[in-house]
Amino acid sequence: AGTGYDIYALELRWFDRWLKSERTGIDHTRTPLHLDELEANR
């Protein structure tokens, strides 16, 4: 799980927001569900 995706940068952005109070913007979304479209590679 997570291979092929920049999972560390995503994790850092999440923790920077909540543990360092940085304005990373990660929580500013109306679409919090992020899905890989099977076989479409997007």
Full PDB file with SEQRES, HELIX, SHEET, SSBOND, CRYST1, ORIGX, SCALE, CONECT and MASTER records, all heavy atoms in Angstrom:
SEQRES   1 A   42  ALA GLY THR GLY TYR ASP ILE TYR ALA LEU GLU LEU ARG          
SEQRES   2 A   42  TRP PHE ASP ARG TRP LEU LYS SER GLU ARG THR GLY ILE          
SEQRES   3 A   42  ASP HIS THR ARG THR PRO LEU HIS LEU ASP GLU LEU GLU          
SEQRES   4 A   42  ALA ASN ARG                                                  
HELIX    1 AA1 ILE A    7  LEU A   19  1                                  13    
CRYST1    1.000    1.000    1.000  90.00  90.00  90.00 P 1           1          
ORIGX1      1.000000  0.000000  0.000000        0.00000                         
ORIGX2      0.000000  1.000000  0.000000        0.00000                         
ORIGX3      0.000000  0.000000  1.000000        0.00000                         
SCALE1      1.000000  0.000000  0.000000        0.00000                         
SCALE2      0.000000  1.000000  0.000000        0.00000                         
SCALE3      0.000000  0.000000  1.000000        0.00000                         
ATOM      1  N   ALA A   1       0.827  -1.208   0.000  1.00  0.00           N  
ATOM      2  CA  ALA A   1       0.000   0.000   0.000  1.00  0.00           C  
ATOM      3  C   ALA A   1       0.862   1.259   0.000  1.00  0.00           C  
ATOM      4  O   ALA A   1       1.751   1.417   0.824  1.00  0.00           O  
ATOM      5  CB  ALA A   1      -0.925   0.004   1.212  1.00  0.00           C  
ATOM      6  N   GLY A   2       0.592   2.128  -0.945  1.00  0.00           N  
ATOM      7  CA  GLY A   2       1.307   3.387  -1.045  1.00  0.00           C  
ATOM      8  C   GLY A   2       2.413   3.408  -2.070  1.00  0.00           C  
ATOM      9  O   GLY A   2       2.918   4.477  -2.411  1.00  0.00           O  
ATOM     10  N   THR A   3       2.821   2.232  -2.572  1.00  0.00           N  
ATOM     11  CA  THR A   3       3.911   2.221  -3.546  1.00  0.00           C  
ATOM     12  C   THR A   3       3.464   2.885  -4.849  1.00  0.00           C  
ATOM     13  O   THR A   3       2.317   2.777  -5.271  1.00  0.00           O  
ATOM     14  CB  THR A   3       4.372   0.782  -3.835  1.00  0.00           C  
ATOM     15  OG1 THR A   3       3.245  -0.012  -4.232  1.00  0.00           O  
ATOM     16  CG2 THR A   3       5.005   0.149  -2.612  1.00  0.00           C  
ATOM     17  N   GLY A   4       4.406   3.586  -5.467  1.00  0.00           N  
ATOM     18  CA  GLY A   4       4.094   4.317  -6.689  1.00  0.00           C  
ATOM     19  C   GLY A   4       3.457   5.670  -6.432  1.00  0.00           C  
ATOM     20  O   GLY A   4       3.160   6.401  -7.376  1.00  0.00           O  
ATOM     21  N   TYR A   5       3.251   6.004  -5.174  1.00  0.00           N  
ATOM     22  CA  TYR A   5       2.658   7.287  -4.785  1.00  0.00           C  
ATOM     23  C   TYR A   5       3.621   7.939  -3.800  1.00  0.00           C  
ATOM     24  O   TYR A   5       4.258   7.248  -3.007  1.00  0.00           O  
ATOM     25  CB  TYR A   5       1.302   7.049  -4.118  1.00  0.00           C  
ATOM     26  CG  TYR A   5       0.396   8.253  -4.057  1.00  0.00           C  
ATOM     27  CD1 TYR A   5      -0.597   8.444  -5.007  1.00  0.00           C  
ATOM     28  CD2 TYR A   5       0.528   9.203  -3.050  1.00  0.00           C  
ATOM     29  CE1 TYR A   5      -1.431   9.545  -4.955  1.00  0.00           C  
ATOM     30  CE2 TYR A   5      -0.302  10.306  -2.988  1.00  0.00           C  
ATOM     31  CZ  TYR A   5      -1.282  10.471  -3.949  1.00  0.00           C  
ATOM     32  OH  TYR A   5      -2.108  11.573  -3.899  1.00  0.00           O  
ATOM     33  N   ASP A   6       3.724   9.253  -3.819  1.00  0.00           N  
ATOM     34  CA  ASP A   6       4.656   9.930  -2.916  1.00  0.00           C  
ATOM     35  C   ASP A   6       4.031   9.977  -1.521  1.00  0.00           C  
ATOM     36  O   ASP A   6       3.612  11.021  -1.024  1.00  0.00           O  
ATOM     37  CB  ASP A   6       4.959  11.332  -3.432  1.00  0.00           C  
ATOM     38  CG  ASP A   6       6.201  11.925  -2.768  1.00  0.00           C  
ATOM     39  OD1 ASP A   6       6.695  11.313  -1.801  1.00  0.00           O  
ATOM     40  OD2 ASP A   6       6.658  12.987  -3.216  1.00  0.00           O  
ATOM     41  N   ILE A   7       3.998   8.804  -0.890  1.00  0.00           N  
ATOM     42  CA  ILE A   7       3.257   8.661   0.357  1.00  0.00           C  
ATOM     43  C   ILE A   7       3.929   9.421   1.495  1.00  0.00           C  
ATOM     44  O   ILE A   7       3.266   9.945   2.395  1.00  0.00           O  
ATOM     45  CB  ILE A   7       3.089   7.164   0.696  1.00  0.00           C  
ATOM     46  CG1 ILE A   7       1.909   6.960   1.652  1.00  0.00           C  
ATOM     47  CG2 ILE A   7       4.355   6.560   1.255  1.00  0.00           C  
ATOM     48  CD1 ILE A   7       0.578   7.073   0.993  1.00  0.00           C  
ATOM     49  N   TYR A   8       5.254   9.508   1.486  1.00  0.00           N  
ATOM     50  CA  TYR A   8       5.944  10.227   2.559  1.00  0.00           C  
ATOM     51  C   TYR A   8       5.621  11.714   2.529  1.00  0.00           C  
ATOM     52  O   TYR A   8       5.397  12.335   3.566  1.00  0.00           O  
ATOM     53  CB  TYR A   8       7.448  10.028   2.441  1.00  0.00           C  
ATOM     54  CG  TYR A   8       7.912   8.647   2.810  1.00  0.00           C  
ATOM     55  CD1 TYR A   8       8.618   7.865   1.899  1.00  0.00           C  
ATOM     56  CD2 TYR A   8       7.634   8.106   4.062  1.00  0.00           C  
ATOM     57  CE1 TYR A   8       9.041   6.597   2.234  1.00  0.00           C  
ATOM     58  CE2 TYR A   8       8.054   6.841   4.402  1.00  0.00           C  
ATOM     59  CZ  TYR A   8       8.760   6.085   3.486  1.00  0.00           C  
ATOM     60  OH  TYR A   8       9.168   4.825   3.819  1.00  0.00           O  
ATOM     61  N   ALA A   9       5.607  12.296   1.343  1.00  0.00           N  
ATOM     62  CA  ALA A   9       5.280  13.721   1.237  1.00  0.00           C  
ATOM     63  C   ALA A   9       3.847  13.973   1.689  1.00  0.00           C  
ATOM     64  O   ALA A   9       3.562  14.992   2.332  1.00  0.00           O  
ATOM     65  CB  ALA A   9       5.489  14.206  -0.195  1.00  0.00           C  
ATOM     66  N   LEU A  10       2.954  13.046   1.364  1.00  0.00           N  
ATOM     67  CA  LEU A  10       1.567  13.178   1.794  1.00  0.00           C  
ATOM     68  C   LEU A  10       1.473  13.114   3.323  1.00  0.00           C  
ATOM     69  O   LEU A  10       0.792  13.927   3.956  1.00  0.00           O  
ATOM     70  CB  LEU A  10       0.727  12.067   1.171  1.00  0.00           C  
ATOM     71  CG  LEU A  10      -0.755  12.045   1.534  1.00  0.00           C  
ATOM     72  CD1 LEU A  10      -1.464  13.271   0.981  1.00  0.00           C  
ATOM     73  CD2 LEU A  10      -1.413  10.766   1.003  1.00  0.00           C  
ATOM     74  N   GLU A  11       2.174  12.160   3.904  1.00  0.00           N  
ATOM     75  CA  GLU A  11       2.186  12.024   5.356  1.00  0.00           C  
ATOM     76  C   GLU A  11       2.776  13.272   6.014  1.00  0.00           C  
ATOM     77  O   GLU A  11       2.244  13.772   7.014  1.00  0.00           O  
ATOM     78  CB  GLU A  11       2.994  10.782   5.733  1.00  0.00           C  
ATOM     79  CG  GLU A  11       2.987  10.466   7.216  1.00  0.00           C  
ATOM     80  CD  GLU A  11       3.780   9.206   7.511  1.00  0.00           C  
ATOM     81  OE1 GLU A  11       4.906   9.080   7.003  1.00  0.00           O  
ATOM     82  OE2 GLU A  11       3.273   8.354   8.261  1.00  0.00           O  
ATOM     83  N   LEU A  12       3.868  13.786   5.461  1.00  0.00           N  
ATOM     84  CA  LEU A  12       4.493  14.993   5.992  1.00  0.00           C  
ATOM     85  C   LEU A  12       3.537  16.174   5.927  1.00  0.00           C  
ATOM     86  O   LEU A  12       3.421  16.957   6.884  1.00  0.00           O  
ATOM     87  CB  LEU A  12       5.770  15.307   5.205  1.00  0.00           C  
ATOM     88  CG  LEU A  12       6.505  16.582   5.598  1.00  0.00           C  
ATOM     89  CD1 LEU A  12       7.081  16.468   7.006  1.00  0.00           C  
ATOM     90  CD2 LEU A  12       7.613  16.903   4.593  1.00  0.00           C  
ATOM     91  N   ARG A  13       2.844  16.307   4.805  1.00  0.00           N  
ATOM     92  CA  ARG A  13       1.908  17.429   4.649  1.00  0.00           C  
ATOM     93  C   ARG A  13       0.793  17.353   5.692  1.00  0.00           C  
ATOM     94  O   ARG A  13       0.370  18.373   6.246  1.00  0.00           O  
ATOM     95  CB  ARG A  13       1.330  17.412   3.241  1.00  0.00           C  
ATOM     96  CG  ARG A  13       0.481  18.631   2.898  1.00  0.00           C  
ATOM     97  CD  ARG A  13       0.028  18.600   1.452  1.00  0.00           C  
ATOM     98  NE  ARG A  13      -0.693  19.807   1.099  1.00  0.00           N  
ATOM     99  CZ  ARG A  13      -1.237  20.030  -0.091  1.00  0.00           C  
ATOM    100  NH1 ARG A  13      -1.135  19.115  -1.040  1.00  0.00           N  
ATOM    101  NH2 ARG A  13      -1.878  21.155  -0.337  1.00  0.00           N  
ATOM    102  N   TRP A  14       0.317  16.135   5.978  1.00  0.00           N  
ATOM    103  CA  TRP A  14      -0.740  15.946   6.974  1.00  0.00           C  
ATOM    104  C   TRP A  14      -0.234  16.285   8.374  1.00  0.00           C  
ATOM    105  O   TRP A  14      -0.873  17.028   9.123  1.00  0.00           O  
ATOM    106  CB  TRP A  14      -1.228  14.511   6.905  1.00  0.00           C  
ATOM    107  CG  TRP A  14      -2.393  14.186   7.797  1.00  0.00           C  
ATOM    108  CD1 TRP A  14      -2.394  13.409   8.912  1.00  0.00           C  
ATOM    109  CD2 TRP A  14      -3.755  14.610   7.619  1.00  0.00           C  
ATOM    110  NE1 TRP A  14      -3.652  13.322   9.445  1.00  0.00           N  
ATOM    111  CE2 TRP A  14      -4.510  14.050   8.679  1.00  0.00           C  
ATOM    112  CE3 TRP A  14      -4.404  15.418   6.685  1.00  0.00           C  
ATOM    113  CZ2 TRP A  14      -5.877  14.263   8.821  1.00  0.00           C  
ATOM    114  CZ3 TRP A  14      -5.781  15.637   6.826  1.00  0.00           C  
ATOM    115  CH2 TRP A  14      -6.493  15.057   7.877  1.00  0.00           C  
ATOM    116  N   PHE A  15       0.931  15.762   8.724  1.00  0.00           N  
ATOM    117  CA  PHE A  15       1.465  16.023  10.054  1.00  0.00           C  
ATOM    118  C   PHE A  15       1.927  17.469  10.215  1.00  0.00           C  
ATOM    119  O   PHE A  15       1.798  18.052  11.304  1.00  0.00           O  
ATOM    120  CB  PHE A  15       2.603  15.054  10.377  1.00  0.00           C  
ATOM    121  CG  PHE A  15       2.138  13.660  10.699  1.00  0.00           C  
ATOM    122  CD1 PHE A  15       2.859  12.561  10.265  1.00  0.00           C  
ATOM    123  CD2 PHE A  15       0.990  13.450  11.433  1.00  0.00           C  
ATOM    124  CE1 PHE A  15       2.441  11.272  10.572  1.00  0.00           C  
ATOM    125  CE2 PHE A  15       0.547  12.170  11.749  1.00  0.00           C  
ATOM    126  CZ  PHE A  15       1.284  11.080  11.315  1.00  0.00           C  
ATOM    127  N   ASP A  16       2.470  18.075   9.159  1.00  0.00           N  
ATOM    128  CA  ASP A  16       2.833  19.486   9.247  1.00  0.00           C  
ATOM    129  C   ASP A  16       1.605  20.337   9.580  1.00  0.00           C  
ATOM    130  O   ASP A  16       1.699  21.312  10.336  1.00  0.00           O  
ATOM    131  CB  ASP A  16       3.441  19.973   7.932  1.00  0.00           C  
ATOM    132  CG  ASP A  16       4.938  19.676   7.818  1.00  0.00           C  
ATOM    133  OD1 ASP A  16       5.513  19.125   8.779  1.00  0.00           O  
ATOM    134  OD2 ASP A  16       5.533  20.003   6.772  1.00  0.00           O  
ATOM    135  N   ARG A  17       0.475  19.967   9.012  1.00  0.00           N  
ATOM    136  CA  ARG A  17      -0.764  20.730   9.278  1.00  0.00           C  
ATOM    137  C   ARG A  17      -1.183  20.628  10.746  1.00  0.00           C  
ATOM    138  O   ARG A  17      -1.505  21.635  11.389  1.00  0.00           O  
ATOM    139  CB  ARG A  17      -1.894  20.221   8.368  1.00  0.00           C  
ATOM    140  CG  ARG A  17      -3.302  20.635   8.780  1.00  0.00           C  
ATOM    141  CD  ARG A  17      -3.492  22.147   8.719  1.00  0.00           C  
ATOM    142  NE  ARG A  17      -4.823  22.524   9.155  1.00  0.00           N  
ATOM    143  CZ  ARG A  17      -5.154  22.825  10.412  1.00  0.00           C  
ATOM    144  NH1 ARG A  17      -4.228  22.778  11.370  1.00  0.00           N  
ATOM    145  NH2 ARG A  17      -6.391  23.179  10.730  1.00  0.00           N  
ATOM    146  N   TRP A  18      -1.191  19.412  11.300  1.00  0.00           N  
ATOM    147  CA  TRP A  18      -1.786  19.211  12.622  1.00  0.00           C  
ATOM    148  C   TRP A  18      -0.763  19.254  13.763  1.00  0.00           C  
ATOM    149  O   TRP A  18      -1.134  19.543  14.902  1.00  0.00           O  
ATOM    150  CB  TRP A  18      -2.543  17.885  12.655  1.00  0.00           C  
ATOM    151  CG  TRP A  18      -3.626  17.822  11.633  1.00  0.00           C  
ATOM    152  CD1 TRP A  18      -3.646  17.065  10.502  1.00  0.00           C  
ATOM    153  CD2 TRP A  18      -4.847  18.569  11.629  1.00  0.00           C  
ATOM    154  NE1 TRP A  18      -4.799  17.283   9.779  1.00  0.00           N  
ATOM    155  CE2 TRP A  18      -5.558  18.208  10.453  1.00  0.00           C  
ATOM    156  CE3 TRP A  18      -5.415  19.502  12.493  1.00  0.00           C  
ATOM    157  CZ2 TRP A  18      -6.801  18.742  10.138  1.00  0.00           C  
ATOM    158  CZ3 TRP A  18      -6.654  20.044  12.183  1.00  0.00           C  
ATOM    159  CH2 TRP A  18      -7.335  19.660  11.023  1.00  0.00           C  
ATOM    160  N   LEU A  19       0.501  18.949  13.472  1.00  0.00           N  
ATOM    161  CA  LEU A  19       1.501  18.914  14.539  1.00  0.00           C  
ATOM    162  C   LEU A  19       2.392  20.150  14.556  1.00  0.00           C  
ATOM    163  O   LEU A  19       3.045  20.439  15.565  1.00  0.00           O  
ATOM    164  CB  LEU A  19       2.374  17.662  14.421  1.00  0.00           C  
ATOM    165  CG  LEU A  19       1.648  16.311  14.376  1.00  0.00           C  
ATOM    166  CD1 LEU A  19       2.638  15.167  14.417  1.00  0.00           C  
ATOM    167  CD2 LEU A  19       0.645  16.181  15.497  1.00  0.00           C  
ATOM    168  N   LYS A  20       2.446  20.872  13.422  1.00  0.00           N  
ATOM    169  CA  LYS A  20       3.247  22.089  13.362  1.00  0.00           C  
ATOM    170  C   LYS A  20       2.418  23.334  13.069  1.00  0.00           C  
ATOM    171  O   LYS A  20       2.966  24.438  12.972  1.00  0.00           O  
ATOM    172  CB  LYS A  20       4.335  21.950  12.286  1.00  0.00           C  
ATOM    173  CG  LYS A  20       5.411  20.925  12.604  1.00  0.00           C  
ATOM    174  CD  LYS A  20       6.506  20.942  11.537  1.00  0.00           C  
ATOM    175  CE  LYS A  20       7.638  19.983  11.867  1.00  0.00           C  
ATOM    176  NZ  LYS A  20       8.718  20.017  10.845  1.00  0.00           N  
ATOM    177  N   SER A  21       1.103  23.147  12.863  1.00  0.00           N  
ATOM    178  CA  SER A  21       0.184  24.259  12.568  1.00  0.00           C  
ATOM    179  C   SER A  21       0.576  25.023  11.313  1.00  0.00           C  
ATOM    180  O   SER A  21       0.330  26.231  11.200  1.00  0.00           O  
ATOM    181  CB  SER A  21       0.095  25.230  13.765  1.00  0.00           C  
ATOM    182  OG  SER A  21      -0.414  24.567  14.904  1.00  0.00           O  
ATOM    183  N   GLU A  22       1.179  24.331  10.345  1.00  0.00           N  
ATOM    184  CA  GLU A  22       1.519  24.965   9.078  1.00  0.00           C  
ATOM    185  C   GLU A  22       0.301  24.964   8.157  1.00  0.00           C  
ATOM    186  O   GLU A  22      -0.503  24.031   8.165  1.00  0.00           O  
ATOM    187  CB  GLU A  22       2.689  24.236   8.410  1.00  0.00           C  
ATOM    188  CG  GLU A  22       3.995  24.359   9.162  1.00  0.00           C  
ATOM    189  CD  GLU A  22       5.149  23.693   8.433  1.00  0.00           C  
ATOM    190  OE1 GLU A  22       4.948  23.247   7.281  1.00  0.00           O  
ATOM    191  OE2 GLU A  22       6.246  23.611   9.010  1.00  0.00           O  
ATOM    192  N   ARG A  23       0.176  25.971   7.350  1.00  0.00           N  
ATOM    193  CA  ARG A  23      -0.960  26.086   6.431  1.00  0.00           C  
ATOM    194  C   ARG A  23      -0.631  25.320   5.146  1.00  0.00           C  
ATOM    195  O   ARG A  23      -0.334  25.910   4.111  1.00  0.00           O  
ATOM    196  CB  ARG A  23      -1.268  27.557   6.163  1.00  0.00           C  
ATOM    197  CG  ARG A  23      -1.638  28.330   7.422  1.00  0.00           C  
ATOM    198  CD  ARG A  23      -1.923  29.784   7.114  1.00  0.00           C  
ATOM    199  NE  ARG A  23      -3.076  29.936   6.224  1.00  0.00           N  
ATOM    200  CZ  ARG A  23      -3.508  31.097   5.752  1.00  0.00           C  
ATOM    201  NH1 ARG A  23      -2.865  32.224   6.093  1.00  0.00           N  
ATOM    202  NH2 ARG A  23      -4.558  31.160   4.960  1.00  0.00           N  
ATOM    203  N   THR A  24      -0.703  24.006   5.224  1.00  0.00           N  
ATOM    204  CA  THR A  24      -0.369  23.181   4.060  1.00  0.00           C  
ATOM    205  C   THR A  24      -1.530  23.062   3.088  1.00  0.00           C  
ATOM    206  O   THR A  24      -1.343  22.641   1.948  1.00  0.00           O  
ATOM    207  CB  THR A  24       0.041  21.769   4.501  1.00  0.00           C  
ATOM    208  OG1 THR A  24      -1.097  21.083   5.029  1.00  0.00           O  
ATOM    209  CG2 THR A  24       1.139  21.811   5.544  1.00  0.00           C  
ATOM    210  N   GLY A  25      -2.750  23.375   3.528  1.00  0.00           N  
ATOM    211  CA  GLY A  25      -3.914  23.304   2.659  1.00  0.00           C  
ATOM    212  C   GLY A  25      -4.495  21.921   2.491  1.00  0.00           C  
ATOM    213  O   GLY A  25      -5.507  21.763   1.807  1.00  0.00           O  
ATOM    214  N   ILE A  26      -3.916  20.907   3.114  1.00  0.00           N  
ATOM    215  CA  ILE A  26      -4.366  19.542   2.858  1.00  0.00           C  
ATOM    216  C   ILE A  26      -5.787  19.298   3.348  1.00  0.00           C  
ATOM    217  O   ILE A  26      -6.517  18.477   2.790  1.00  0.00           O  
ATOM    218  CB  ILE A  26      -3.387  18.526   3.488  1.00  0.00           C  
ATOM    219  CG1 ILE A  26      -3.693  17.111   2.977  1.00  0.00           C  
ATOM    220  CG2 ILE A  26      -3.402  18.603   5.009  1.00  0.00           C  
ATOM    221  CD1 ILE A  26      -2.640  16.097   3.325  1.00  0.00           C  
ATOM    222  N   ASP A  27      -6.197  20.010   4.379  1.00  0.00           N  
ATOM    223  CA  ASP A  27      -7.544  19.806   4.914  1.00  0.00           C  
ATOM    224  C   ASP A  27      -8.582  20.692   4.239  1.00  0.00           C  
ATOM    225  O   ASP A  27      -9.772  20.569   4.519  1.00  0.00           O  
ATOM    226  CB  ASP A  27      -7.553  20.044   6.426  1.00  0.00           C  
ATOM    227  CG  ASP A  27      -7.045  21.441   6.793  1.00  0.00           C  
ATOM    228  OD1 ASP A  27      -6.052  21.885   6.182  1.00  0.00           O  
ATOM    229  OD2 ASP A  27      -7.630  22.072   7.700  1.00  0.00           O  
ATOM    230  N   HIS A  28      -8.152  21.561   3.333  1.00  0.00           N  
ATOM    231  CA  HIS A  28      -9.077  22.453   2.631  1.00  0.00           C  
ATOM    232  C   HIS A  28      -9.545  21.792   1.345  1.00  0.00           C  
ATOM    233  O   HIS A  28      -9.043  22.085   0.250  1.00  0.00           O  
ATOM    234  CB  HIS A  28      -8.415  23.803   2.338  1.00  0.00           C  
ATOM    235  CG  HIS A  28      -8.056  24.570   3.559  1.00  0.00           C  
ATOM    236  ND1 HIS A  28      -7.190  25.639   3.550  1.00  0.00           N  
ATOM    237  CD2 HIS A  28      -8.440  24.428   4.854  1.00  0.00           C  
ATOM    238  CE1 HIS A  28      -7.065  26.121   4.773  1.00  0.00           C  
ATOM    239  NE2 HIS A  28      -7.809  25.393   5.579  1.00  0.00           N  
ATOM    240  N   THR A  29     -10.456  20.888   1.464  1.00  0.00           N  
ATOM    241  CA  THR A  29     -10.951  20.168   0.289  1.00  0.00           C  
ATOM    242  C   THR A  29     -12.415  19.830   0.464  1.00  0.00           C  
ATOM    243  O   THR A  29     -12.875  19.554   1.583  1.00  0.00           O  
ATOM    244  CB  THR A  29     -10.146  18.868   0.056  1.00  0.00           C  
ATOM    245  OG1 THR A  29     -10.715  18.155  -1.047  1.00  0.00           O  
ATOM    246  CG2 THR A  29     -10.153  17.977   1.294  1.00  0.00           C  
ATOM    247  N   ARG A  30     -13.154  19.877  -0.628  1.00  0.00           N  
ATOM    248  CA  ARG A  30     -14.546  19.441  -0.636  1.00  0.00           C  
ATOM    249  C   ARG A  30     -14.678  17.994  -1.099  1.00  0.00           C  
ATOM    250  O   ARG A  30     -15.783  17.460  -1.141  1.00  0.00           O  
ATOM    251  CB  ARG A  30     -15.374  20.359  -1.551  1.00  0.00           C  
ATOM    252  CG  ARG A  30     -15.429  21.810  -1.069  1.00  0.00           C  
ATOM    253  CD  ARG A  30     -16.253  22.659  -2.031  1.00  0.00           C  
ATOM    254  NE  ARG A  30     -16.307  24.063  -1.581  1.00  0.00           N  
ATOM    255  CZ  ARG A  30     -16.918  25.033  -2.253  1.00  0.00           C  
ATOM    256  NH1 ARG A  30     -17.548  24.750  -3.409  1.00  0.00           N  
ATOM    257  NH2 ARG A  30     -16.932  26.260  -1.784  1.00  0.00           N  
ATOM    258  N   THR A  31     -13.550  17.412  -1.475  1.00  0.00           N  
ATOM    259  CA  THR A  31     -13.562  16.021  -1.957  1.00  0.00           C  
ATOM    260  C   THR A  31     -12.498  15.233  -1.213  1.00  0.00           C  
ATOM    261  O   THR A  31     -11.402  15.005  -1.724  1.00  0.00           O  
ATOM    262  CB  THR A  31     -13.302  15.975  -3.480  1.00  0.00           C  
ATOM    263  OG1 THR A  31     -12.091  16.699  -3.769  1.00  0.00           O  
ATOM    264  CG2 THR A  31     -14.457  16.570  -4.251  1.00  0.00           C  
ATOM    265  N   PRO A  32     -12.800  14.787   0.014  1.00  0.00           N  
ATOM    266  CA  PRO A  32     -11.787  14.120   0.829  1.00  0.00           C  
ATOM    267  C   PRO A  32     -11.573  12.649   0.485  1.00  0.00           C  
ATOM    268  O   PRO A  32     -10.752  11.991   1.131  1.00  0.00           O  
ATOM    269  CB  PRO A  32     -12.355  14.249   2.259  1.00  0.00           C  
ATOM    270  CG  PRO A  32     -13.557  15.134   2.166  1.00  0.00           C  
ATOM    271  CD  PRO A  32     -14.030  15.035   0.766  1.00  0.00           C  
ATOM    272  N   LEU A  33     -12.283  12.142  -0.508  1.00  0.00           N  
ATOM    273  CA  LEU A  33     -12.164  10.737  -0.903  1.00  0.00           C  
ATOM    274  C   LEU A  33     -11.410  10.673  -2.220  1.00  0.00           C  
ATOM    275  O   LEU A  33     -11.869  11.186  -3.244  1.00  0.00           O  
ATOM    276  CB  LEU A  33     -13.558  10.115  -1.049  1.00  0.00           C  
ATOM    277  CG  LEU A  33     -13.647   8.662  -1.505  1.00  0.00           C  
ATOM    278  CD1 LEU A  33     -12.890   7.740  -0.562  1.00  0.00           C  
ATOM    279  CD2 LEU A  33     -15.110   8.242  -1.609  1.00  0.00           C  
ATOM    280  N   HIS A  34     -10.238  10.035  -2.216  1.00  0.00           N  
ATOM    281  CA  HIS A  34      -9.347  10.028  -3.369  1.00  0.00           C  
ATOM    282  C   HIS A  34      -9.198   8.583  -3.854  1.00  0.00           C  
ATOM    283  O   HIS A  34      -8.651   7.730  -3.156  1.00  0.00           O  
ATOM    284  CB  HIS A  34      -7.987  10.611  -2.985  1.00  0.00           C  
ATOM    285  CG  HIS A  34      -8.096  11.841  -2.129  1.00  0.00           C  
ATOM    286  ND1 HIS A  34      -8.524  13.054  -2.613  1.00  0.00           N  
ATOM    287  CD2 HIS A  34      -7.857  12.022  -0.794  1.00  0.00           C  
ATOM    288  CE1 HIS A  34      -8.535  13.944  -1.628  1.00  0.00           C  
ATOM    289  NE2 HIS A  34      -8.136  13.341  -0.519  1.00  0.00           N  
ATOM    290  N   LEU A  35      -9.700   8.320  -5.062  1.00  0.00           N  
ATOM    291  CA  LEU A  35      -9.803   6.955  -5.573  1.00  0.00           C  
ATOM    292  C   LEU A  35      -8.972   6.756  -6.827  1.00  0.00           C  
ATOM    293  O   LEU A  35      -8.967   7.605  -7.724  1.00  0.00           O  
ATOM    294  CB  LEU A  35     -11.263   6.624  -5.903  1.00  0.00           C  
ATOM    295  CG  LEU A  35     -12.288   6.802  -4.788  1.00  0.00           C  
ATOM    296  CD1 LEU A  35     -13.693   6.659  -5.354  1.00  0.00           C  
ATOM    297  CD2 LEU A  35     -12.048   5.805  -3.675  1.00  0.00           C  
ATOM    298  N   ASP A  36      -8.280   5.623  -6.886  1.00  0.00           N  
ATOM    299  CA  ASP A  36      -7.656   5.213  -8.135  1.00  0.00           C  
ATOM    300  C   ASP A  36      -8.732   4.594  -9.003  1.00  0.00           C  
ATOM    301  O   ASP A  36      -9.443   3.676  -8.580  1.00  0.00           O  
ATOM    302  CB  ASP A  36      -6.558   4.176  -7.852  1.00  0.00           C  
ATOM    303  CG  ASP A  36      -6.064   3.519  -9.121  1.00  0.00           C  
ATOM    304  OD1 ASP A  36      -5.385   4.188  -9.910  1.00  0.00           O  
ATOM    305  OD2 ASP A  36      -6.384   2.330  -9.336  1.00  0.00           O  
ATOM    306  N   GLU A  37      -8.878   5.105 -10.223  1.00  0.00           N  
ATOM    307  CA  GLU A  37      -9.846   4.513 -11.157  1.00  0.00           C  
ATOM    308  C   GLU A  37      -9.204   3.280 -11.778  1.00  0.00           C  
ATOM    309  O   GLU A  37      -8.218   3.388 -12.518  1.00  0.00           O  
ATOM    310  CB  GLU A  37     -10.242   5.518 -12.242  1.00  0.00           C  
ATOM    311  CG  GLU A  37     -11.358   4.980 -13.113  1.00  0.00           C  
ATOM    312  CD  GLU A  37     -11.754   5.963 -14.209  1.00  0.00           C  
ATOM    313  OE1 GLU A  37     -11.302   7.121 -14.164  1.00  0.00           O  
ATOM    314  OE2 GLU A  37     -12.501   5.555 -15.106  1.00  0.00           O  
ATOM    315  N   LEU A  38      -9.762   2.141 -11.448  1.00  0.00           N  
ATOM    316  CA  LEU A  38      -9.156   0.874 -11.845  1.00  0.00           C  
ATOM    317  C   LEU A  38      -8.937   0.802 -13.346  1.00  0.00           C  
ATOM    318  O   LEU A  38      -9.836   1.110 -14.138  1.00  0.00           O  
ATOM    319  CB  LEU A  38     -10.041  -0.286 -11.380  1.00  0.00           C  
ATOM    320  CG  LEU A  38     -10.174  -0.426  -9.861  1.00  0.00           C  
ATOM    321  CD1 LEU A  38     -11.188  -1.497  -9.521  1.00  0.00           C  
ATOM    322  CD2 LEU A  38      -8.831  -0.746  -9.244  1.00  0.00           C  
ATOM    323  N   GLU A  39      -7.737   0.383 -13.714  1.00  0.00           N  
ATOM    324  CA  GLU A  39      -7.328   0.163 -15.105  1.00  0.00           C  
ATOM    325  C   GLU A  39      -7.201   1.446 -15.925  1.00  0.00           C  
ATOM    326  O   GLU A  39      -6.744   1.400 -17.059  1.00  0.00           O  
ATOM    327  CB  GLU A  39      -8.287  -0.804 -15.831  1.00  0.00           C  
ATOM    328  CG  GLU A  39      -8.511  -2.124 -15.106  1.00  0.00           C  
ATOM    329  CD  GLU A  39      -7.219  -2.897 -14.879  1.00  0.00           C  
ATOM    330  OE1 GLU A  39      -6.272  -2.733 -15.664  1.00  0.00           O  
ATOM    331  OE2 GLU A  39      -7.170  -3.649 -13.897  1.00  0.00           O  
ATOM    332  N   ALA A  40      -7.603   2.585 -15.383  1.00  0.00           N  
ATOM    333  CA  ALA A  40      -7.523   3.832 -16.150  1.00  0.00           C  
ATOM    334  C   ALA A  40      -6.251   4.610 -15.851  1.00  0.00           C  
ATOM    335  O   ALA A  40      -5.950   5.595 -16.522  1.00  0.00           O  
ATOM    336  CB  ALA A  40      -8.734   4.707 -15.872  1.00  0.00           C  
ATOM    337  N   ASN A  41      -5.530   4.200 -14.801  1.00  0.00           N  
ATOM    338  CA  ASN A  41      -4.250   4.821 -14.460  1.00  0.00           C  
ATOM    339  C   ASN A  41      -4.393   6.308 -14.169  1.00  0.00           C  
ATOM    340  O   ASN A  41      -3.614   7.130 -14.614  1.00  0.00           O  
ATOM    341  CB  ASN A  41      -3.218   4.598 -15.573  1.00  0.00           C  
ATOM    342  CG  ASN A  41      -1.802   4.881 -15.089  1.00  0.00           C  
ATOM    343  OD1 ASN A  41      -1.500   4.696 -13.923  1.00  0.00           O  
ATOM    344  ND2 ASN A  41      -0.946   5.333 -15.990  1.00  0.00           N  
ATOM    345  N   ARG A  42      -5.431   6.659 -13.414  1.00  0.00           N  
ATOM    346  CA  ARG A  42      -5.585   8.046 -12.991  1.00  0.00           C  
ATOM    347  C   ARG A  42      -6.330   8.079 -11.659  1.00  0.00           C  
ATOM    348  O   ARG A  42      -7.042   7.153 -11.287  1.00  0.00           O  
ATOM    349  CB  ARG A  42      -6.328   8.876 -14.029  1.00  0.00           C  
ATOM    350  CG  ARG A  42      -7.799   8.535 -14.175  1.00  0.00           C  
ATOM    351  CD  ARG A  42      -8.499   9.577 -15.021  1.00  0.00           C  
ATOM    352  NE  ARG A  42      -9.935   9.321 -15.118  1.00  0.00           N  
ATOM    353  CZ  ARG A  42     -10.802  10.154 -15.654  1.00  0.00           C  
ATOM    354  NH1 ARG A  42     -10.373  11.297 -16.168  1.00  0.00           N  
ATOM    355  NH2 ARG A  42     -12.081   9.866 -15.706  1.00  0.00           N  
TER     356      ARG A  42                                                      
MASTER        0    0    0    1    0    0    0    6  355    1    0    4          
END                                                                             
